[in-house]
Amino acid sequence: MLTHVNYKTGYMYDMQALTALSHECGALSLWDLAHS
């Protein structure tokens, strides 16, 4: 469970890469897009 753009720093995750990593490990991905 991640926020795409961090509300403090403005850091933006690579959504596609992290979703793929989550799926490789058998986890589901949940994205908060409030700041993006």
ModelCIF file with pLDDT and N, C-alpha, C, O atoms, coordinates in Angstrom:
data_MODEL
#
_entry.id   MODEL 
#
_entity.id                         1 
_entity.type                       polymer 
_entity.pdbx_number_of_molecules   1 
#
_entity_poly.entity_id                      1 
_entity_poly.type                           'polypeptide(L)' 
_entity_poly.nstd_linkage                   no 
_entity_poly.nstd_monomer                   no 
_entity_poly.pdbx_seq_one_letter_code       MLTHVNYKTGYMYDMQALTALSHECGALSLWDLAHS 
_entity_poly.pdbx_seq_one_letter_code_can   MLTHVNYKTGYMYDMQALTALSHECGALSLWDLAHS 
_entity_poly.pdbx_strand_id                 A 
#
loop_
_entity_poly_seq.entity_id 
_entity_poly_seq.num 
_entity_poly_seq.mon_id 
_entity_poly_seq.hetero 
1 1  MET n 
1 2  LEU n 
1 3  THR n 
1 4  HIS n 
1 5  VAL n 
1 6  ASN n 
1 7  TYR n 
1 8  LYS n 
1 9  THR n 
1 10 GLY n 
1 11 TYR n 
1 12 MET n 
1 13 TYR n 
1 14 ASP n 
1 15 MET n 
1 16 GLN n 
1 17 ALA n 
1 18 LEU n 
1 19 THR n 
1 20 ALA n 
1 21 LEU n 
1 22 SER n 
1 23 HIS n 
1 24 GLU n 
1 25 CYS n 
1 26 GLY n 
1 27 ALA n 
1 28 LEU n 
1 29 SER n 
1 30 LEU n 
1 31 TRP n 
1 32 ASP n 
1 33 LEU n 
1 34 ALA n 
1 35 HIS n 
1 36 SER n 
#
_struct_asym.id          A 
_struct_asym.entity_id   1 
#
loop_
_ma_qa_metric.id 
_ma_qa_metric.mode 
_ma_qa_metric.name 
_ma_qa_metric.software_group_id 
_ma_qa_metric.type 
1 global pLDDT . pLDDT 
2 local  pLDDT . pLDDT 
#
_ma_qa_metric_global.metric_id      1 
_ma_qa_metric_global.metric_value   97.94 
_ma_qa_metric_global.model_id       1 
_ma_qa_metric_global.ordinal_id     1 
#
loop_
_ma_qa_metric_local.label_asym_id 
_ma_qa_metric_local.label_comp_id 
_ma_qa_metric_local.label_seq_id 
_ma_qa_metric_local.metric_id 
_ma_qa_metric_local.metric_value 
_ma_qa_metric_local.model_id 
_ma_qa_metric_local.ordinal_id 
A MET 1  2 98.00 1 1  
A LEU 2  2 98.00 1 2  
A THR 3  2 98.00 1 3  
A HIS 4  2 98.00 1 4  
A VAL 5  2 98.00 1 5  
A ASN 6  2 98.00 1 6  
A TYR 7  2 98.00 1 7  
A LYS 8  2 97.00 1 8  
A THR 9  2 97.00 1 9  
A GLY 10 2 98.00 1 10 
A TYR 11 2 98.00 1 11 
A MET 12 2 98.00 1 12 
A TYR 13 2 98.00 1 13 
A ASP 14 2 98.00 1 14 
A MET 15 2 98.00 1 15 
A GLN 16 2 98.00 1 16 
A ALA 17 2 98.00 1 17 
A LEU 18 2 98.00 1 18 
A THR 19 2 98.00 1 19 
A ALA 20 2 98.00 1 20 
A LEU 21 2 98.00 1 21 
A SER 22 2 98.00 1 22 
A HIS 23 2 98.00 1 23 
A GLU 24 2 98.00 1 24 
A CYS 25 2 97.00 1 25 
A GLY 26 2 98.00 1 26 
A ALA 27 2 98.00 1 27 
A LEU 28 2 98.00 1 28 
A SER 29 2 98.00 1 29 
A LEU 30 2 98.00 1 30 
A TRP 31 2 99.00 1 31 
A ASP 32 2 98.00 1 32 
A LEU 33 2 98.00 1 33 
A ALA 34 2 98.00 1 34 
A HIS 35 2 98.00 1 35 
A SER 36 2 98.00 1 36 
#
loop_
_atom_site.group_PDB 
_atom_site.id 
_atom_site.type_symbol 
_atom_site.label_atom_id 
_atom_site.label_alt_id 
_atom_site.label_comp_id 
_atom_site.label_asym_id 
_atom_site.label_entity_id 
_atom_site.label_seq_id 
_atom_site.pdbx_PDB_ins_code 
_atom_site.Cartn_x 
_atom_site.Cartn_y 
_atom_site.Cartn_z 
_atom_site.occupancy 
_atom_site.B_iso_or_equiv 
_atom_site.pdbx_formal_charge 
_atom_site.auth_seq_id 
_atom_site.auth_comp_id 
_atom_site.auth_asym_id 
_atom_site.auth_atom_id 
_atom_site.pdbx_PDB_model_num 
ATOM 1   N N  . MET A 1 1  ? 0.854  -1.190  0.000   1.00 98.00 ? 1  MET A N  1 
ATOM 2   C CA . MET A 1 1  ? 0.000  0.000   0.000   1.00 98.00 ? 1  MET A CA 1 
ATOM 3   C C  . MET A 1 1  ? 0.890  1.240   0.000   1.00 98.00 ? 1  MET A C  1 
ATOM 4   O O  . MET A 1 1  ? 1.511  1.570   1.010   1.00 98.00 ? 1  MET A O  1 
ATOM 5   N N  . LEU A 1 2  ? 0.944  1.922   -1.140  1.00 98.00 ? 2  LEU A N  1 
ATOM 6   C CA . LEU A 1 2  ? 1.839  3.058   -1.282  1.00 98.00 ? 2  LEU A CA 1 
ATOM 7   C C  . LEU A 1 2  ? 1.104  4.257   -1.871  1.00 98.00 ? 2  LEU A C  1 
ATOM 8   O O  . LEU A 1 2  ? 0.124  4.109   -2.602  1.00 98.00 ? 2  LEU A O  1 
ATOM 9   N N  . THR A 1 3  ? 1.599  5.445   -1.537  1.00 98.00 ? 3  THR A N  1 
ATOM 10  C CA . THR A 1 3  ? 1.133  6.665   -2.184  1.00 98.00 ? 3  THR A CA 1 
ATOM 11  C C  . THR A 1 3  ? 2.081  6.978   -3.335  1.00 98.00 ? 3  THR A C  1 
ATOM 12  O O  . THR A 1 3  ? 3.296  7.041   -3.147  1.00 98.00 ? 3  THR A O  1 
ATOM 13  N N  . HIS A 1 4  ? 1.529  7.172   -4.511  1.00 98.00 ? 4  HIS A N  1 
ATOM 14  C CA . HIS A 1 4  ? 2.322  7.336   -5.726  1.00 98.00 ? 4  HIS A CA 1 
ATOM 15  C C  . HIS A 1 4  ? 3.326  8.475   -5.597  1.00 98.00 ? 4  HIS A C  1 
ATOM 16  O O  . HIS A 1 4  ? 4.495  8.315   -5.949  1.00 98.00 ? 4  HIS A O  1 
ATOM 17  N N  . VAL A 1 5  ? 2.875  9.632   -5.091  1.00 98.00 ? 5  VAL A N  1 
ATOM 18  C CA . VAL A 1 5  ? 3.761  10.769  -4.827  1.00 98.00 ? 5  VAL A CA 1 
ATOM 19  C C  . VAL A 1 5  ? 3.699  11.078  -3.341  1.00 98.00 ? 5  VAL A C  1 
ATOM 20  O O  . VAL A 1 5  ? 2.629  11.361  -2.802  1.00 98.00 ? 5  VAL A O  1 
ATOM 21  N N  . ASN A 1 6  ? 4.845  11.024  -2.685  1.00 98.00 ? 6  ASN A N  1 
ATOM 22  C CA . ASN A 1 6  ? 4.911  11.249  -1.244  1.00 98.00 ? 6  ASN A CA 1 
ATOM 23  C C  . ASN A 1 6  ? 4.468  12.663  -0.898  1.00 98.00 ? 6  ASN A C  1 
ATOM 24  O O  . ASN A 1 6  ? 4.924  13.635  -1.502  1.00 98.00 ? 6  ASN A O  1 
ATOM 25  N N  . TYR A 1 7  ? 3.576  12.767  0.082   1.00 98.00 ? 7  TYR A N  1 
ATOM 26  C CA . TYR A 1 7  ? 2.990  14.070  0.391   1.00 98.00 ? 7  TYR A CA 1 
ATOM 27  C C  . TYR A 1 7  ? 3.989  15.045  0.989   1.00 98.00 ? 7  TYR A C  1 
ATOM 28  O O  . TYR A 1 7  ? 3.800  16.258  0.888   1.00 98.00 ? 7  TYR A O  1 
ATOM 29  N N  . LYS A 1 8  ? 5.040  14.545  1.606   1.00 97.00 ? 8  LYS A N  1 
ATOM 30  C CA . LYS A 1 8  ? 6.047  15.439  2.192   1.00 97.00 ? 8  LYS A CA 1 
ATOM 31  C C  . LYS A 1 8  ? 7.116  15.821  1.179   1.00 97.00 ? 8  LYS A C  1 
ATOM 32  O O  . LYS A 1 8  ? 7.357  17.001  0.928   1.00 97.00 ? 8  LYS A O  1 
ATOM 33  N N  . THR A 1 9  ? 7.747  14.818  0.606   1.00 97.00 ? 9  THR A N  1 
ATOM 34  C CA . THR A 1 9  ? 8.952  15.072  -0.195  1.00 97.00 ? 9  THR A CA 1 
ATOM 35  C C  . THR A 1 9  ? 8.678  15.312  -1.671  1.00 97.00 ? 9  THR A C  1 
ATOM 36  O O  . THR A 1 9  ? 9.503  15.910  -2.362  1.00 97.00 ? 9  THR A O  1 
ATOM 37  N N  . GLY A 1 10 ? 7.525  14.853  -2.166  1.00 98.00 ? 10 GLY A N  1 
ATOM 38  C CA . GLY A 1 10 ? 7.277  14.916  -3.598  1.00 98.00 ? 10 GLY A CA 1 
ATOM 39  C C  . GLY A 1 10 ? 7.931  13.784  -4.368  1.00 98.00 ? 10 GLY A C  1 
ATOM 40  O O  . GLY A 1 10 ? 7.909  13.785  -5.599  1.00 98.00 ? 10 GLY A O  1 
ATOM 41  N N  . TYR A 1 11 ? 8.520  12.803  -3.657  1.00 98.00 ? 11 TYR A N  1 
ATOM 42  C CA . TYR A 1 11 ? 9.127  11.639  -4.325  1.00 98.00 ? 11 TYR A CA 1 
ATOM 43  C C  . TYR A 1 11 ? 8.043  10.831  -5.021  1.00 98.00 ? 11 TYR A C  1 
ATOM 44  O O  . TYR A 1 11 ? 7.004  10.540  -4.429  1.00 98.00 ? 11 TYR A O  1 
ATOM 45  N N  . MET A 1 12 ? 8.281  10.469  -6.275  1.00 98.00 ? 12 MET A N  1 
ATOM 46  C CA . MET A 1 12 ? 7.311  9.696   -7.044  1.00 98.00 ? 12 MET A CA 1 
ATOM 47  C C  . MET A 1 12 ? 7.855  8.299   -7.325  1.00 98.00 ? 12 MET A C  1 
ATOM 48  O O  . MET A 1 12 ? 8.953  8.129   -7.855  1.00 98.00 ? 12 MET A O  1 
ATOM 49  N N  . TYR A 1 13 ? 7.054  7.312   -6.954  1.00 98.00 ? 13 TYR A N  1 
ATOM 50  C CA . TYR A 1 13 ? 7.428  5.923   -7.195  1.00 98.00 ? 13 TYR A CA 1 
ATOM 51  C C  . TYR A 1 13 ? 7.255  5.549   -8.670  1.00 98.00 ? 13 TYR A C  1 
ATOM 52  O O  . TYR A 1 13 ? 6.448  6.141   -9.388  1.00 98.00 ? 13 TYR A O  1 
ATOM 53  N N  . ASP A 1 14 ? 8.024  4.566   -9.096  1.00 98.00 ? 14 ASP A N  1 
ATOM 54  C CA . ASP A 1 14 ? 7.816  3.919   -10.390 1.00 98.00 ? 14 ASP A CA 1 
ATOM 55  C C  . ASP A 1 14 ? 6.692  2.897   -10.181 1.00 98.00 ? 14 ASP A C  1 
ATOM 56  O O  . ASP A 1 14 ? 6.937  1.781   -9.721  1.00 98.00 ? 14 ASP A O  1 
ATOM 57  N N  . MET A 1 15 ? 5.470  3.286   -10.519 1.00 98.00 ? 15 MET A N  1 
ATOM 58  C CA . MET A 1 15 ? 4.311  2.450   -10.232 1.00 98.00 ? 15 MET A CA 1 
ATOM 59  C C  . MET A 1 15 ? 4.410  1.091   -10.921 1.00 98.00 ? 15 MET A C  1 
ATOM 60  O O  . MET A 1 15 ? 4.110  0.059   -10.321 1.00 98.00 ? 15 MET A O  1 
ATOM 61  N N  . GLN A 1 16 ? 4.826  1.100   -12.165 1.00 98.00 ? 16 GLN A N  1 
ATOM 62  C CA . GLN A 1 16 ? 4.866  -0.149  -12.914 1.00 98.00 ? 16 GLN A CA 1 
ATOM 63  C C  . GLN A 1 16 ? 5.904  -1.112  -12.328 1.00 98.00 ? 16 GLN A C  1 
ATOM 64  O O  . GLN A 1 16 ? 5.634  -2.304  -12.182 1.00 98.00 ? 16 GLN A O  1 
ATOM 65  N N  . ALA A 1 17 ? 7.076  -0.598  -11.998 1.00 98.00 ? 17 ALA A N  1 
ATOM 66  C CA . ALA A 1 17 ? 8.138  -1.458  -11.457 1.00 98.00 ? 17 ALA A CA 1 
ATOM 67  C C  . ALA A 1 17 ? 7.762  -2.017  -10.099 1.00 98.00 ? 17 ALA A C  1 
ATOM 68  O O  . ALA A 1 17 ? 7.990  -3.197  -9.832  1.00 98.00 ? 17 ALA A O  1 
ATOM 69  N N  . LEU A 1 18 ? 7.188  -1.189  -9.235  1.00 98.00 ? 18 LEU A N  1 
ATOM 70  C CA . LEU A 1 18 ? 6.843  -1.664  -7.897  1.00 98.00 ? 18 LEU A CA 1 
ATOM 71  C C  . LEU A 1 18 ? 5.643  -2.596  -7.909  1.00 98.00 ? 18 LEU A C  1 
ATOM 72  O O  . LEU A 1 18 ? 5.561  -3.528  -7.108  1.00 98.00 ? 18 LEU A O  1 
ATOM 73  N N  . THR A 1 19 ? 4.720  -2.342  -8.817  1.00 98.00 ? 19 THR A N  1 
ATOM 74  C CA . THR A 1 19 ? 3.598  -3.272  -8.951  1.00 98.00 ? 19 THR A CA 1 
ATOM 75  C C  . THR A 1 19 ? 4.101  -4.630  -9.428  1.00 98.00 ? 19 THR A C  1 
ATOM 76  O O  . THR A 1 19 ? 3.667  -5.668  -8.931  1.00 98.00 ? 19 THR A O  1 
ATOM 77  N N  . ALA A 1 20 ? 5.007  -4.619  -10.384 1.00 98.00 ? 20 ALA A N  1 
ATOM 78  C CA . ALA A 1 20 ? 5.581  -5.881  -10.871 1.00 98.00 ? 20 ALA A CA 1 
ATOM 79  C C  . ALA A 1 20 ? 6.317  -6.612  -9.760  1.00 98.00 ? 20 ALA A C  1 
ATOM 80  O O  . ALA A 1 20 ? 6.192  -7.830  -9.628  1.00 98.00 ? 20 ALA A O  1 
ATOM 81  N N  . LEU A 1 21 ? 7.080  -5.881  -8.962  1.00 98.00 ? 21 LEU A N  1 
ATOM 82  C CA . LEU A 1 21 ? 7.787  -6.486  -7.834  1.00 98.00 ? 21 LEU A CA 1 
ATOM 83  C C  . LEU A 1 21 ? 6.808  -7.099  -6.843  1.00 98.00 ? 21 LEU A C  1 
ATOM 84  O O  . LEU A 1 21 ? 7.026  -8.205  -6.350  1.00 98.00 ? 21 LEU A O  1 
ATOM 85  N N  . SER A 1 22 ? 5.719  -6.370  -6.550  1.00 98.00 ? 22 SER A N  1 
ATOM 86  C CA . SER A 1 22 ? 4.706  -6.892  -5.634  1.00 98.00 ? 22 SER A CA 1 
ATOM 87  C C  . SER A 1 22 ? 4.107  -8.185  -6.167  1.00 98.00 ? 22 SER A C  1 
ATOM 88  O O  . SER A 1 22 ? 3.949  -9.158  -5.428  1.00 98.00 ? 22 SER A O  1 
ATOM 89  N N  . HIS A 1 23 ? 3.778  -8.189  -7.440  1.00 98.00 ? 23 HIS A N  1 
ATOM 90  C CA . HIS A 1 23 ? 3.165  -9.372  -8.046  1.00 98.00 ? 23 HIS A CA 1 
ATOM 91  C C  . HIS A 1 23 ? 4.124  -10.563 -8.076  1.00 98.00 ? 23 HIS A C  1 
ATOM 92  O O  . HIS A 1 23 ? 3.715  -11.706 -7.871  1.00 98.00 ? 23 HIS A O  1 
ATOM 93  N N  . GLU A 1 24 ? 5.396  -10.283 -8.331  1.00 98.00 ? 24 GLU A N  1 
ATOM 94  C CA . GLU A 1 24 ? 6.395  -11.365 -8.323  1.00 98.00 ? 24 GLU A CA 1 
ATOM 95  C C  . GLU A 1 24 ? 6.452  -12.053 -6.968  1.00 98.00 ? 24 GLU A C  1 
ATOM 96  O O  . GLU A 1 24 ? 6.713  -13.252 -6.875  1.00 98.00 ? 24 GLU A O  1 
ATOM 97  N N  . CYS A 1 25 ? 6.202  -11.276 -5.919  1.00 97.00 ? 25 CYS A N  1 
ATOM 98  C CA . CYS A 1 25 ? 6.243  -11.818 -4.562  1.00 97.00 ? 25 CYS A CA 1 
ATOM 99  C C  . CYS A 1 25 ? 4.877  -12.312 -4.091  1.00 97.00 ? 25 CYS A C  1 
ATOM 100 O O  . CYS A 1 25 ? 4.736  -12.754 -2.951  1.00 97.00 ? 25 CYS A O  1 
ATOM 101 N N  . GLY A 1 26 ? 3.868  -12.239 -4.966  1.00 98.00 ? 26 GLY A N  1 
ATOM 102 C CA . GLY A 1 26 ? 2.548  -12.737 -4.612  1.00 98.00 ? 26 GLY A CA 1 
ATOM 103 C C  . GLY A 1 26 ? 1.666  -11.755 -3.881  1.00 98.00 ? 26 GLY A C  1 
ATOM 104 O O  . GLY A 1 26 ? 0.614  -12.133 -3.366  1.00 98.00 ? 26 GLY A O  1 
ATOM 105 N N  . ALA A 1 27 ? 2.078  -10.483 -3.824  1.00 98.00 ? 27 ALA A N  1 
ATOM 106 C CA . ALA A 1 27 ? 1.300  -9.461  -3.124  1.00 98.00 ? 27 ALA A CA 1 
ATOM 107 C C  . ALA A 1 27 ? 0.446  -8.675  -4.116  1.00 98.00 ? 27 ALA A C  1 
ATOM 108 O O  . ALA A 1 27 ? 0.741  -8.642  -5.310  1.00 98.00 ? 27 ALA A O  1 
ATOM 109 N N  . LEU A 1 28 ? -0.603 -8.050  -3.616  1.00 98.00 ? 28 LEU A N  1 
ATOM 110 C CA . LEU A 1 28 ? -1.438 -7.143  -4.401  1.00 98.00 ? 28 LEU A CA 1 
ATOM 111 C C  . LEU A 1 28 ? -0.954 -5.718  -4.188  1.00 98.00 ? 28 LEU A C  1 
ATOM 112 O O  . LEU A 1 28 ? -0.420 -5.384  -3.130  1.00 98.00 ? 28 LEU A O  1 
ATOM 113 N N  . SER A 1 29 ? -1.148 -4.875  -5.208  1.00 98.00 ? 29 SER A N  1 
ATOM 114 C CA . SER A 1 29 ? -0.695 -3.484  -5.122  1.00 98.00 ? 29 SER A CA 1 
ATOM 115 C C  . SER A 1 29 ? -1.883 -2.542  -4.971  1.00 98.00 ? 29 SER A C  1 
ATOM 116 O O  . SER A 1 29 ? -2.881 -2.660  -5.682  1.00 98.00 ? 29 SER A O  1 
ATOM 117 N N  . LEU A 1 30 ? -1.761 -1.618  -4.047  1.00 98.00 ? 30 LEU A N  1 
ATOM 118 C CA . LEU A 1 30 ? -2.801 -0.622  -3.778  1.00 98.00 ? 30 LEU A CA 1 
ATOM 119 C C  . LEU A 1 30 ? -2.129 0.749   -3.810  1.00 98.00 ? 30 LEU A C  1 
ATOM 120 O O  . LEU A 1 30 ? -1.192 1.011   -3.056  1.00 98.00 ? 30 LEU A O  1 
ATOM 121 N N  . TRP A 1 31 ? -2.615 1.612   -4.687  1.00 99.00 ? 31 TRP A N  1 
ATOM 122 C CA . TRP A 1 31 ? -1.984 2.921   -4.889  1.00 99.00 ? 31 TRP A CA 1 
ATOM 123 C C  . TRP A 1 31 ? -2.918 4.052   -4.475  1.00 99.00 ? 31 TRP A C  1 
ATOM 124 O O  . TRP A 1 31 ? -4.083 4.096   -4.872  1.00 99.00 ? 31 TRP A O  1 
ATOM 125 N N  . ASP A 1 32 ? -2.382 4.963   -3.667  1.00 98.00 ? 32 ASP A N  1 
ATOM 126 C CA . ASP A 1 32 ? -3.066 6.200   -3.320  1.00 98.00 ? 32 ASP A CA 1 
ATOM 127 C C  . ASP A 1 32 ? -2.563 7.274   -4.281  1.00 98.00 ? 32 ASP A C  1 
ATOM 128 O O  . ASP A 1 32 ? -1.373 7.588   -4.311  1.00 98.00 ? 32 ASP A O  1 
ATOM 129 N N  . LEU A 1 33 ? -3.485 7.831   -5.066  1.00 98.00 ? 33 LEU A N  1 
ATOM 130 C CA . LEU A 1 33 ? -3.135 8.805   -6.098  1.00 98.00 ? 33 LEU A CA 1 
ATOM 131 C C  . LEU A 1 33 ? -3.454 10.241  -5.682  1.00 98.00 ? 33 LEU A C  1 
ATOM 132 O O  . LEU A 1 33 ? -3.564 11.123  -6.534  1.00 98.00 ? 33 LEU A O  1 
ATOM 133 N N  . ALA A 1 34 ? -3.602 10.478  -4.382  1.00 98.00 ? 34 ALA A N  1 
ATOM 134 C CA . ALA A 1 34 ? -4.048 11.790  -3.911  1.00 98.00 ? 34 ALA A CA 1 
ATOM 135 C C  . ALA A 1 34 ? -3.157 12.922  -4.397  1.00 98.00 ? 34 ALA A C  1 
ATOM 136 O O  . ALA A 1 34 ? -3.653 13.996  -4.735  1.00 98.00 ? 34 ALA A O  1 
ATOM 137 N N  . HIS A 1 35 ? -1.846 12.694  -4.438  1.00 98.00 ? 35 HIS A N  1 
ATOM 138 C CA . HIS A 1 35 ? -0.919 13.758  -4.827  1.00 98.00 ? 35 HIS A CA 1 
ATOM 139 C C  . HIS A 1 35 ? -0.386 13.597  -6.238  1.00 98.00 ? 35 HIS A C  1 
ATOM 140 O O  . HIS A 1 35 ? 0.607  14.222  -6.611  1.00 98.00 ? 35 HIS A O  1 
ATOM 141 N N  . SER A 1 36 ? -1.053 12.751  -7.026  1.00 98.00 ? 36 SER A N  1 
ATOM 142 C CA . SER A 1 36 ? -0.596 12.583  -8.410  1.00 98.00 ? 36 SER A CA 1 
ATOM 143 C C  . SER A 1 36 ? -1.717 12.694  -9.438  1.00 98.00 ? 36 SER A C  1 
ATOM 144 O O  . SER A 1 36 ? -1.469 12.572  -10.637 1.00 98.00 ? 36 SER A O  1 
#
